[in-house]
Amino acid sequence: MSWIILAIAGLLEVCWAIGLKYTEGFTKPVPSLLTAAAIVGSMVLLAKATQNLPIGTAYAVWVGIGAAGAAILGIVLFQEPASPARLLFLGLLITAIIGLKATSGH
């Protein structure tokens, strides 16, 4: 269950990272409130997941999900570059997340 909670926390991190773009420096109230809610939700779930998972693994997976998700959505939503090298490194990041899960012992 802790891994599911951690995955949801990571997805909420993607939401708030992308949400920052829509807040326009926290000048838009609705996107700002949604982004703030995603930040709080992500942190609360991360804290819950770390009750049963090693902090180093949980934090690395959380950050990895957020970074990979934000980069992928940046490509899809904001036409950010999708060079072969960038896609390769995103693939390596996703591989690292899977590897951390596989070797965590939980």
PDB file of N, CA and C in Angstrom:
ATOM      1  N   MET A   1       0.813  -1.195   0.000  1.00  0.00           N
ATOM      2  CA  MET A   1       0.000   0.000   0.000  1.00  0.00           C
ATOM      3  C   MET A   1       0.863   1.268   0.000  1.00  0.00           C
ATOM      4  N   SER A   2       1.999   1.202   0.674  1.00  0.00           N
ATOM      5  CA  SER A   2       2.881   2.376   0.735  1.00  0.00           C
ATOM      6  C   SER A   2       3.377   2.782  -0.650  1.00  0.00           C
ATOM      7  N   TRP A   3       3.610   1.790  -1.521  1.00  0.00           N
ATOM      8  CA  TRP A   3       4.071   2.114  -2.876  1.00  0.00           C
ATOM      9  C   TRP A   3       2.976   2.801  -3.676  1.00  0.00           C
ATOM     10  N   ILE A   4       1.737   2.406  -3.462  1.00  0.00           N
ATOM     11  CA  ILE A   4       0.616   3.062  -4.150  1.00  0.00           C
ATOM     12  C   ILE A   4       0.483   4.498  -3.667  1.00  0.00           C
ATOM     13  N   ILE A   5       0.581   4.685  -2.359  1.00  0.00           N
ATOM     14  CA  ILE A   5       0.527   6.031  -1.791  1.00  0.00           C
ATOM     15  C   ILE A   5       1.660   6.884  -2.346  1.00  0.00           C
ATOM     16  N   LEU A   6       2.848   6.300  -2.432  1.00  0.00           N
ATOM     17  CA  LEU A   6       3.998   7.030  -2.975  1.00  0.00           C
ATOM     18  C   LEU A   6       3.785   7.386  -4.447  1.00  0.00           C
ATOM     19  N   ALA A   7       3.229   6.477  -5.216  1.00  0.00           N
ATOM     20  CA  ALA A   7       2.955   6.758  -6.635  1.00  0.00           C
ATOM     21  C   ALA A   7       1.960   7.904  -6.777  1.00  0.00           C
ATOM     22  N   ILE A   8       0.928   7.917  -5.948  1.00  0.00           N
ATOM     23  CA  ILE A   8      -0.045   9.012  -5.998  1.00  0.00           C
ATOM     24  C   ILE A   8       0.615  10.320  -5.592  1.00  0.00           C
ATOM     25  N   ALA A   9       1.473  10.273  -4.580  1.00  0.00           N
ATOM     26  CA  ALA A   9       2.212  11.466  -4.169  1.00  0.00           C
ATOM     27  C   ALA A   9       3.066  11.986  -5.325  1.00  0.00           C
ATOM     28  N   GLY A  10       3.708  11.081  -6.051  1.00  0.00           N
ATOM     29  CA  GLY A  10       4.513  11.473  -7.206  1.00  0.00           C
ATOM     30  C   GLY A  10       3.671  12.087  -8.312  1.00  0.00           C
ATOM     31  N   LEU A  11       2.490  11.527  -8.548  1.00  0.00           N
ATOM     32  CA  LEU A  11       1.602  12.089  -9.570  1.00  0.00           C
ATOM     33  C   LEU A  11       1.109  13.474  -9.165  1.00  0.00           C
ATOM     34  N   LEU A  12       0.857  13.666  -7.862  1.00  0.00           N
ATOM     35  CA  LEU A  12       0.478  15.002  -7.397  1.00  0.00           C
ATOM     36  C   LEU A  12       1.643  15.979  -7.546  1.00  0.00           C
ATOM     37  N   GLU A  13       2.859  15.474  -7.422  1.00  0.00           N
ATOM     38  CA  GLU A  13       4.018  16.348  -7.654  1.00  0.00           C
ATOM     39  C   GLU A  13       4.045  16.803  -9.107  1.00  0.00           C
ATOM     40  N   VAL A  14       3.732  15.912 -10.021  1.00  0.00           N
ATOM     41  CA  VAL A  14       3.637  16.295 -11.437  1.00  0.00           C
ATOM     42  C   VAL A  14       2.576  17.383 -11.596  1.00  0.00           C
ATOM     43  N   CYS A  15       1.441  17.191 -10.936  1.00  0.00           N
ATOM     44  CA  CYS A  15       0.351  18.168 -11.038  1.00  0.00           C
ATOM     45  C   CYS A  15       0.784  19.545 -10.565  1.00  0.00           C
ATOM     46  N   TRP A  16       1.456  19.601  -9.406  1.00  0.00           N
ATOM     47  CA  TRP A  16       1.823  20.935  -8.936  1.00  0.00           C
ATOM     48  C   TRP A  16       2.962  21.543  -9.744  1.00  0.00           C
ATOM     49  N   ALA A  17       3.848  20.712 -10.237  1.00  0.00           N
ATOM     50  CA  ALA A  17       4.936  21.246 -11.074  1.00  0.00           C
ATOM     51  C   ALA A  17       4.373  21.866 -12.353  1.00  0.00           C
ATOM     52  N   ILE A  18       3.456  21.166 -12.993  1.00  0.00           N
ATOM     53  CA  ILE A  18       2.822  21.701 -14.193  1.00  0.00           C
ATOM     54  C   ILE A  18       1.911  22.864 -13.825  1.00  0.00           C
ATOM     55  N   GLY A  19       1.238  22.753 -12.696  1.00  0.00           N
ATOM     56  CA  GLY A  19       0.350  23.823 -12.239  1.00  0.00           C
ATOM     57  C   GLY A  19       1.063  25.150 -12.063  1.00  0.00           C
ATOM     58  N   LEU A  20       2.330  25.102 -11.683  1.00  0.00           N
ATOM     59  CA  LEU A  20       3.090  26.348 -11.517  1.00  0.00           C
ATOM     60  C   LEU A  20       3.075  27.188 -12.790  1.00  0.00           C
ATOM     61  N   LYS A  21       3.110  26.529 -13.924  1.00  0.00           N
ATOM     62  CA  LYS A  21       3.102  27.235 -15.203  1.00  0.00           C
ATOM     63  C   LYS A  21       1.802  28.035 -15.379  1.00  0.00           C
ATOM     64  N   TYR A  22       0.704  27.462 -14.895  1.00  0.00           N
ATOM     65  CA  TYR A  22      -0.608  28.082 -15.070  1.00  0.00           C
ATOM     66  C   TYR A  22      -0.930  29.146 -14.015  1.00  0.00           C
ATOM     67  N   THR A  23      -0.173  29.191 -12.923  1.00  0.00           N
ATOM     68  CA  THR A  23      -0.448  30.181 -11.878  1.00  0.00           C
ATOM     69  C   THR A  23       0.023  31.577 -12.266  1.00  0.00           C
ATOM     70  N   GLU A  24       0.924  31.634 -13.250  1.00  0.00           N
ATOM     71  CA  GLU A  24       1.540  32.908 -13.674  1.00  0.00           C
ATOM     72  C   GLU A  24       2.056  33.678 -12.453  1.00  0.00           C
ATOM     73  N   GLY A  25       2.945  33.006 -11.733  1.00  0.00           N
ATOM     74  CA  GLY A  25       3.559  33.628 -10.552  1.00  0.00           C
ATOM     75  C   GLY A  25       2.589  33.776  -9.398  1.00  0.00           C
ATOM     76  N   PHE A  26       1.650  32.868  -9.294  1.00  0.00           N
ATOM     77  CA  PHE A  26       0.600  32.879  -8.270  1.00  0.00           C
ATOM     78  C   PHE A  26      -0.271  34.127  -8.346  1.00  0.00           C
ATOM     79  N   THR A  27      -0.481  34.615  -9.558  1.00  0.00           N
ATOM     80  CA  THR A  27      -1.377  35.757  -9.759  1.00  0.00           C
ATOM     81  C   THR A  27      -2.772  35.324 -10.190  1.00  0.00           C
ATOM     82  N   LYS A  28      -2.926  34.057 -10.567  1.00  0.00           N
ATOM     83  CA  LYS A  28      -4.239  33.536 -10.970  1.00  0.00           C
ATOM     84  C   LYS A  28      -4.780  32.675  -9.828  1.00  0.00           C
ATOM     85  N   PRO A  29      -5.904  33.093  -9.238  1.00  0.00           N
ATOM     86  CA  PRO A  29      -6.386  32.421  -8.020  1.00  0.00           C
ATOM     87  C   PRO A  29      -6.720  30.933  -8.173  1.00  0.00           C
ATOM     88  N   VAL A  30      -7.474  30.541  -9.179  1.00  0.00           N
ATOM     89  CA  VAL A  30      -7.888  29.132  -9.278  1.00  0.00           C
ATOM     90  C   VAL A  30      -6.696  28.211  -9.525  1.00  0.00           C
ATOM     91  N   PRO A  31      -5.862  28.497 -10.526  1.00  0.00           N
ATOM     92  CA  PRO A  31      -4.690  27.629 -10.683  1.00  0.00           C
ATOM     93  C   PRO A  31      -3.774  27.642  -9.456  1.00  0.00           C
ATOM     94  N   SER A  32      -3.687  28.779  -8.785  1.00  0.00           N
ATOM     95  CA  SER A  32      -2.836  28.871  -7.593  1.00  0.00           C
ATOM     96  C   SER A  32      -3.366  27.987  -6.469  1.00  0.00           C
ATOM     97  N   LEU A  33      -4.688  28.005  -6.255  1.00  0.00           N
ATOM     98  CA  LEU A  33      -5.284  27.163  -5.211  1.00  0.00           C
ATOM     99  C   LEU A  33      -5.149  25.683  -5.537  1.00  0.00           C
ATOM    100  N   LEU A  34      -5.360  25.320  -6.802  1.00  0.00           N
ATOM    101  CA  LEU A  34      -5.211  23.914  -7.204  1.00  0.00           C
ATOM    102  C   LEU A  34      -3.764  23.452  -7.056  1.00  0.00           C
ATOM    103  N   THR A  35      -2.840  24.312  -7.421  1.00  0.00           N
ATOM    104  CA  THR A  35      -1.420  23.984  -7.292  1.00  0.00           C
ATOM    105  C   THR A  35      -1.037  23.824  -5.826  1.00  0.00           C
ATOM    106  N   ALA A  36      -1.507  24.741  -4.981  1.00  0.00           N
ATOM    107  CA  ALA A  36      -1.216  24.654  -3.546  1.00  0.00           C
ATOM    108  C   ALA A  36      -1.808  23.369  -2.949  1.00  0.00           C
ATOM    109  N   ALA A  37      -3.012  23.013  -3.368  1.00  0.00           N
ATOM    110  CA  ALA A  37      -3.632  21.783  -2.870  1.00  0.00           C
ATOM    111  C   ALA A  37      -2.828  20.555  -3.297  1.00  0.00           C
ATOM    112  N   ALA A  38      -2.322  20.574  -4.524  1.00  0.00           N
ATOM    113  CA  ALA A  38      -1.505  19.454  -5.003  1.00  0.00           C
ATOM    114  C   ALA A  38      -0.194  19.361  -4.231  1.00  0.00           C
ATOM    115  N   ILE A  39       0.396  20.512  -3.901  1.00  0.00           N
ATOM    116  CA  ILE A  39       1.640  20.516  -3.109  1.00  0.00           C
ATOM    117  C   ILE A  39       1.384  19.881  -1.743  1.00  0.00           C
ATOM    118  N   VAL A  40       0.340  20.337  -1.077  1.00  0.00           N
ATOM    119  CA  VAL A  40       0.028  19.814   0.256  1.00  0.00           C
ATOM    120  C   VAL A  40      -0.289  18.320   0.184  1.00  0.00           C
ATOM    121  N   GLY A  41      -1.132  17.936  -0.765  1.00  0.00           N
ATOM    122  CA  GLY A  41      -1.478  16.524  -0.908  1.00  0.00           C
ATOM    123  C   GLY A  41      -0.268  15.655  -1.180  1.00  0.00           C
ATOM    124  N   SER A  42       0.610  16.137  -2.035  1.00  0.00           N
ATOM    125  CA  SER A  42       1.808  15.389  -2.374  1.00  0.00           C
ATOM    126  C   SER A  42       2.698  15.192  -1.151  1.00  0.00           C
ATOM    127  N   MET A  43       2.881  16.256  -0.383  1.00  0.00           N
ATOM    128  CA  MET A  43       3.727  16.161   0.811  1.00  0.00           C
ATOM    129  C   MET A  43       3.125  15.249   1.872  1.00  0.00           C
ATOM    130  N   VAL A  44       1.814  15.369   2.079  1.00  0.00           N
ATOM    131  CA  VAL A  44       1.151  14.525   3.083  1.00  0.00           C
ATOM    132  C   VAL A  44       1.281  13.052   2.696  1.00  0.00           C
ATOM    133  N   LEU A  45       1.051  12.732   1.435  1.00  0.00           N
ATOM    134  CA  LEU A  45       1.159  11.341   0.996  1.00  0.00           C
ATOM    135  C   LEU A  45       2.604  10.844   1.031  1.00  0.00           C
ATOM    136  N   LEU A  46       3.553  11.711   0.680  1.00  0.00           N
ATOM    137  CA  LEU A  46       4.962  11.322   0.790  1.00  0.00           C
ATOM    138  C   LEU A  46       5.295  10.987   2.245  1.00  0.00           C
ATOM    139  N   ALA A  47       4.856  11.828   3.157  1.00  0.00           N
ATOM    140  CA  ALA A  47       5.117  11.575   4.584  1.00  0.00           C
ATOM    141  C   ALA A  47       4.485  10.252   5.023  1.00  0.00           C
ATOM    142  N   LYS A  48       3.283   9.988   4.557  1.00  0.00           N
ATOM    143  CA  LYS A  48       2.603   8.733   4.901  1.00  0.00           C
ATOM    144  C   LYS A  48       3.382   7.531   4.356  1.00  0.00           C
ATOM    145  N   ALA A  49       3.833   7.629   3.109  1.00  0.00           N
ATOM    146  CA  ALA A  49       4.576   6.520   2.500  1.00  0.00           C
ATOM    147  C   ALA A  49       5.888   6.246   3.232  1.00  0.00           C
ATOM    148  N   THR A  50       6.523   7.289   3.748  1.00  0.00           N
ATOM    149  CA  THR A  50       7.815   7.099   4.416  1.00  0.00           C
ATOM    150  C   THR A  50       7.683   6.463   5.791  1.00  0.00           C
ATOM    151  N   GLN A  51       6.461   6.274   6.254  1.00  0.00           N
ATOM    152  CA  GLN A  51       6.288   5.537   7.511  1.00  0.00           C
ATOM    153  C   GLN A  51       6.701   4.072   7.347  1.00  0.00           C
ATOM    154  N   ASN A  52       6.611   3.566   6.104  1.00  0.00           N
ATOM    155  CA  ASN A  52       6.928   2.153   5.861  1.00  0.00           C
ATOM    156  C   ASN A  52       8.037   1.930   4.843  1.00  0.00           C
ATOM    157  N   LEU A  53       8.449   2.963   4.153  1.00  0.00           N
ATOM    158  CA  LEU A  53       9.498   2.838   3.133  1.00  0.00           C
ATOM    159  C   LEU A  53      10.739   3.598   3.573  1.00  0.00           C
ATOM    160  N   PRO A  54      11.918   3.151   3.137  1.00  0.00           N
ATOM    161  CA  PRO A  54      13.139   3.897   3.448  1.00  0.00           C
ATOM    162  C   PRO A  54      13.059   5.311   2.860  1.00  0.00           C
ATOM    163  N   ILE A  55      13.448   6.294   3.637  1.00  0.00           N
ATOM    164  CA  ILE A  55      13.317   7.693   3.209  1.00  0.00           C
ATOM    165  C   ILE A  55      14.100   7.966   1.927  1.00  0.00           C
ATOM    166  N   GLY A  56      15.296   7.445   1.807  1.00  0.00           N
ATOM    167  CA  GLY A  56      16.098   7.690   0.609  1.00  0.00           C
ATOM    168  C   GLY A  56      15.435   7.151  -0.643  1.00  0.00           C
ATOM    169  N   THR A  57      14.904   5.963  -0.546  1.00  0.00           N
ATOM    170  CA  THR A  57      14.221   5.360  -1.684  1.00  0.00           C
ATOM    171  C   THR A  57      12.931   6.105  -1.999  1.00  0.00           C
ATOM    172  N   ALA A  58      12.128   6.362  -0.961  1.00  0.00           N
ATOM    173  CA  ALA A  58      10.842   7.035  -1.173  1.00  0.00           C
ATOM    174  C   ALA A  58      11.044   8.419  -1.785  1.00  0.00           C
ATOM    175  N   TYR A  59      11.984   9.171  -1.247  1.00  0.00           N
ATOM    176  CA  TYR A  59      12.212  10.516  -1.761  1.00  0.00           C
ATOM    177  C   TYR A  59      12.718  10.479  -3.202  1.00  0.00           C
ATOM    178  N   ALA A  60      13.642   9.580  -3.490  1.00  0.00           N
ATOM    179  CA  ALA A  60      14.181   9.480  -4.854  1.00  0.00           C
ATOM    180  C   ALA A  60      13.096   9.084  -5.846  1.00  0.00           C
ATOM    181  N   VAL A  61      12.244   8.153  -5.476  1.00  0.00           N
ATOM    182  CA  VAL A  61      11.154   7.732  -6.363  1.00  0.00           C
ATOM    183  C   VAL A  61      10.166   8.869  -6.548  1.00  0.00           C
ATOM    184  N   TRP A  62       9.810   9.567  -5.477  1.00  0.00           N
ATOM    185  CA  TRP A  62       8.884  10.703  -5.529  1.00  0.00           C
ATOM    186  C   TRP A  62       9.403  11.796  -6.465  1.00  0.00           C
ATOM    187  N   VAL A  63      10.665  12.163  -6.269  1.00  0.00           N
ATOM    188  CA  VAL A  63      11.274  13.181  -7.126  1.00  0.00           C
ATOM    189  C   VAL A  63      11.360  12.684  -8.568  1.00  0.00           C
ATOM    190  N   GLY A  64      11.719  11.425  -8.742  1.00  0.00           N
ATOM    191  CA  GLY A  64      11.834  10.864 -10.089  1.00  0.00           C
ATOM    192  C   GLY A  64      10.519  10.870 -10.837  1.00  0.00           C
ATOM    193  N   ILE A  65       9.441  10.463 -10.155  1.00  0.00           N
ATOM    194  CA  ILE A  65       8.122  10.495 -10.786  1.00  0.00           C
ATOM    195  C   ILE A  65       7.773  11.929 -11.169  1.00  0.00           C
ATOM    196  N   GLY A  66       8.016  12.853 -10.258  1.00  0.00           N
ATOM    197  CA  GLY A  66       7.719  14.256 -10.537  1.00  0.00           C
ATOM    198  C   GLY A  66       8.533  14.813 -11.684  1.00  0.00           C
ATOM    199  N   ALA A  67       9.818  14.526 -11.679  1.00  0.00           N
ATOM    200  CA  ALA A  67      10.697  15.046 -12.734  1.00  0.00           C
ATOM    201  C   ALA A  67      10.353  14.447 -14.091  1.00  0.00           C
ATOM    202  N   ALA A  68      10.182  13.142 -14.138  1.00  0.00           N
ATOM    203  CA  ALA A  68       9.855  12.487 -15.405  1.00  0.00           C
ATOM    204  C   ALA A  68       8.495  12.942 -15.913  1.00  0.00           C
ATOM    205  N   GLY A  69       7.518  12.969 -15.020  1.00  0.00           N
ATOM    206  CA  GLY A  69       6.173  13.386 -15.415  1.00  0.00           C
ATOM    207  C   GLY A  69       6.129  14.818 -15.900  1.00  0.00           C
ATOM    208  N   ALA A  70       6.810  15.718 -15.192  1.00  0.00           N
ATOM    209  CA  ALA A  70       6.833  17.124 -15.597  1.00  0.00           C
ATOM    210  C   ALA A  70       7.543  17.291 -16.946  1.00  0.00           C
ATOM    211  N   ALA A  71       8.620  16.555 -17.139  1.00  0.00           N
ATOM    212  CA  ALA A  71       9.338  16.651 -18.414  1.00  0.00           C
ATOM    213  C   ALA A  71       8.485  16.118 -19.569  1.00  0.00           C
ATOM    214  N   ILE A  72       7.819  14.995 -19.339  1.00  0.00           N
ATOM    215  CA  ILE A  72       6.966  14.426 -20.395  1.00  0.00           C
ATOM    216  C   ILE A  72       5.802  15.360 -20.706  1.00  0.00           C
ATOM    217  N   LEU A  73       5.146  15.877 -19.672  1.00  0.00           N
ATOM    218  CA  LEU A  73       4.033  16.798 -19.910  1.00  0.00           C
ATOM    219  C   LEU A  73       4.511  18.119 -20.501  1.00  0.00           C
ATOM    220  N   GLY A  74       5.722  18.526 -20.167  1.00  0.00           N
ATOM    221  CA  GLY A  74       6.292  19.720 -20.800  1.00  0.00           C
ATOM    222  C   GLY A  74       6.421  19.535 -22.304  1.00  0.00           C
ATOM    223  N   ILE A  75       6.813  18.345 -22.702  1.00  0.00           N
ATOM    224  CA  ILE A  75       6.916  18.035 -24.136  1.00  0.00           C
ATOM    225  C   ILE A  75       5.524  18.044 -24.769  1.00  0.00           C
ATOM    226  N   VAL A  76       4.575  17.399 -24.106  1.00  0.00           N
ATOM    227  CA  VAL A  76       3.231  17.250 -24.664  1.00  0.00           C
ATOM    228  C   VAL A  76       2.442  18.562 -24.636  1.00  0.00           C
ATOM    229  N   LEU A  77       2.459  19.254 -23.498  1.00  0.00           N
ATOM    230  CA  LEU A  77       1.612  20.432 -23.331  1.00  0.00           C
ATOM    231  C   LEU A  77       2.242  21.738 -23.814  1.00  0.00           C
ATOM    232  N   PHE A  78       3.555  21.849 -23.658  1.00  0.00           N
ATOM    233  CA  PHE A  78       4.217  23.130 -23.913  1.00  0.00           C
ATOM    234  C   PHE A  78       5.217  23.075 -25.056  1.00  0.00           C
ATOM    235  N   GLN A  79       5.185  21.987 -25.825  1.00  0.00           N
ATOM    236  CA  GLN A  79       6.061  21.811 -26.977  1.00  0.00           C
ATOM    237  C   GLN A  79       7.540  22.016 -26.626  1.00  0.00           C
ATOM    238  N   GLU A  80       7.924  21.552 -25.441  1.00  0.00           N
ATOM    239  CA  GLU A  80       9.339  21.595 -25.068  1.00  0.00           C
ATOM    240  C   GLU A  80      10.089  20.585 -25.931  1.00  0.00           C
ATOM    241  N   PRO A  81      11.388  20.761 -26.096  1.00  0.00           N
ATOM    242  CA  PRO A  81      12.160  19.875 -26.976  1.00  0.00           C
ATOM    243  C   PRO A  81      12.057  18.401 -26.577  1.00  0.00           C
ATOM    244  N   ALA A  82      11.970  17.550 -27.597  1.00  0.00           N
ATOM    245  CA  ALA A  82      11.937  16.099 -27.391  1.00  0.00           C
ATOM    246  C   ALA A  82      13.060  15.470 -28.201  1.00  0.00           C
ATOM    247  N   SER A  83      14.264  15.934 -27.948  1.00  0.00           N
ATOM    248  CA  SER A  83      15.412  15.413 -28.683  1.00  0.00           C
ATOM    249  C   SER A  83      15.661  13.964 -28.301  1.00  0.00           C
ATOM    250  N   PRO A  84      16.330  13.223 -29.164  1.00  0.00           N
ATOM    251  CA  PRO A  84      16.651  11.828 -28.810  1.00  0.00           C
ATOM    252  C   PRO A  84      17.415  11.715 -27.485  1.00  0.00           C
ATOM    253  N   ALA A  85      18.349  12.618 -27.253  1.00  0.00           N
ATOM    254  CA  ALA A  85      19.118  12.559 -26.006  1.00  0.00           C
ATOM    255  C   ALA A  85      18.207  12.794 -24.802  1.00  0.00           C
ATOM    256  N   ARG A  86      17.297  13.754 -24.899  1.00  0.00           N
ATOM    257  CA  ARG A  86      16.384  14.031 -23.792  1.00  0.00           C
ATOM    258  C   ARG A  86      15.484  12.823 -23.521  1.00  0.00           C
ATOM    259  N   LEU A  87      14.971  12.223 -24.565  1.00  0.00           N
ATOM    260  CA  LEU A  87      14.131  11.038 -24.399  1.00  0.00           C
ATOM    261  C   LEU A  87      14.921   9.870 -23.815  1.00  0.00           C
ATOM    262  N   LEU A  88      16.181   9.732 -24.220  1.00  0.00           N
ATOM    263  CA  LEU A  88      17.042   8.686 -23.656  1.00  0.00           C
ATOM    264  C   LEU A  88      17.192   8.877 -22.150  1.00  0.00           C
ATOM    265  N   PHE A  89      17.483  10.108 -21.733  1.00  0.00           N
ATOM    266  CA  PHE A  89      17.682  10.350 -20.309  1.00  0.00           C
ATOM    267  C   PHE A  89      16.388  10.238 -19.509  1.00  0.00           C
ATOM    268  N   LEU A  90      15.264  10.580 -20.107  1.00  0.00           N
ATOM    269  CA  LEU A  90      13.979  10.330 -19.451  1.00  0.00           C
ATOM    270  C   LEU A  90      13.766   8.824 -19.268  1.00  0.00           C
ATOM    271  N   GLY A  91      14.114   8.056 -20.277  1.00  0.00           N
ATOM    272  CA  GLY A  91      14.026   6.598 -20.172  1.00  0.00           C
ATOM    273  C   GLY A  91      14.926   6.059 -19.067  1.00  0.00           C
ATOM    274  N   LEU A  92      16.126   6.622 -18.956  1.00  0.00           N
ATOM    275  CA  LEU A  92      17.039   6.195 -17.888  1.00  0.00           C
ATOM    276  C   LEU A  92      16.476   6.562 -16.514  1.00  0.00           C
ATOM    277  N   LEU A  93      15.848   7.724 -16.418  1.00  0.00           N
ATOM    278  CA  LEU A  93      15.242   8.140 -15.151  1.00  0.00           C
ATOM    279  C   LEU A  93      14.116   7.186 -14.755  1.00  0.00           C
ATOM    280  N   ILE A  94      13.285   6.838 -15.704  1.00  0.00           N
ATOM    281  CA  ILE A  94      12.200   5.896 -15.433  1.00  0.00           C
ATOM    282  C   ILE A  94      12.758   4.526 -15.056  1.00  0.00           C
ATOM    283  N   THR A  95      13.819   4.112 -15.723  1.00  0.00           N
ATOM    284  CA  THR A  95      14.489   2.853 -15.377  1.00  0.00           C
ATOM    285  C   THR A  95      15.028   2.904 -13.953  1.00  0.00           C
ATOM    286  N   ALA A  96      15.595   4.034 -13.561  1.00  0.00           N
ATOM    287  CA  ALA A  96      16.118   4.188 -12.204  1.00  0.00           C
ATOM    288  C   ALA A  96      15.000   4.093 -11.168  1.00  0.00           C
ATOM    289  N   ILE A  97      13.846   4.691 -11.463  1.00  0.00           N
ATOM    290  CA  ILE A  97      12.711   4.618 -10.540  1.00  0.00           C
ATOM    291  C   ILE A  97      12.283   3.161 -10.357  1.00  0.00           C
ATOM    292  N   ILE A  98      12.161   2.452 -11.452  1.00  0.00           N
ATOM    293  CA  ILE A  98      11.781   1.037 -11.398  1.00  0.00           C
ATOM    294  C   ILE A  98      12.841   0.233 -10.632  1.00  0.00           C
ATOM    295  N   GLY A  99      14.103   0.533 -10.894  1.00  0.00           N
ATOM    296  CA  GLY A  99      15.192  -0.160 -10.192  1.00  0.00           C
ATOM    297  C   GLY A  99      15.176   0.081  -8.702  1.00  0.00           C
ATOM    298  N   LEU A 100      14.898   1.307  -8.283  1.00  0.00           N
ATOM    299  CA  LEU A 100      14.821   1.599  -6.848  1.00  0.00           C
ATOM    300  C   LEU A 100      13.687   0.817  -6.202  1.00  0.00           C
ATOM    301  N   LYS A 101      12.563   0.757  -6.871  1.00  0.00           N
ATOM    302  CA  LYS A 101      11.428  -0.023  -6.353  1.00  0.00           C
ATOM    303  C   LYS A 101      11.809  -1.496  -6.263  1.00  0.00           C
ATOM    304  N   ALA A 102      12.412  -2.010  -7.298  1.00  0.00           N
ATOM    305  CA  ALA A 102      12.740  -3.445  -7.357  1.00  0.00           C
ATOM    306  C   ALA A 102      13.770  -3.856  -6.311  1.00  0.00           C
ATOM    307  N   THR A 103      14.638  -2.946  -5.931  1.00  0.00           N
ATOM    308  CA  THR A 103      15.724  -3.293  -4.998  1.00  0.00           C
ATOM    309  C   THR A 103      15.490  -2.768  -3.588  1.00  0.00           C
ATOM    310  N   SER A 104      14.311  -2.240  -3.320  1.00  0.00           N
ATOM    311  CA  SER A 104      14.064  -1.628  -1.994  1.00  0.00           C
ATOM    312  C   SER A 104      13.853  -2.641  -0.889  1.00  0.00           C
ATOM    313  N   GLY A 105      13.468  -3.858  -1.243  1.00  0.00           N
ATOM    314  CA  GLY A 105      13.207  -4.859  -0.221  1.00  0.00           C
ATOM    315  C   GLY A 105      11.829  -4.728   0.399  1.00  0.00           C
ATOM    316  N   HIS A 106      10.998  -3.844  -0.121  1.00  0.00           N
ATOM    317  CA  HIS A 106       9.620  -3.655   0.400  1.00  0.00           C
ATOM    318  C   HIS A 106       8.615  -3.981  -0.661  1.00  0.00           C
TER     319      HIS A 106
END
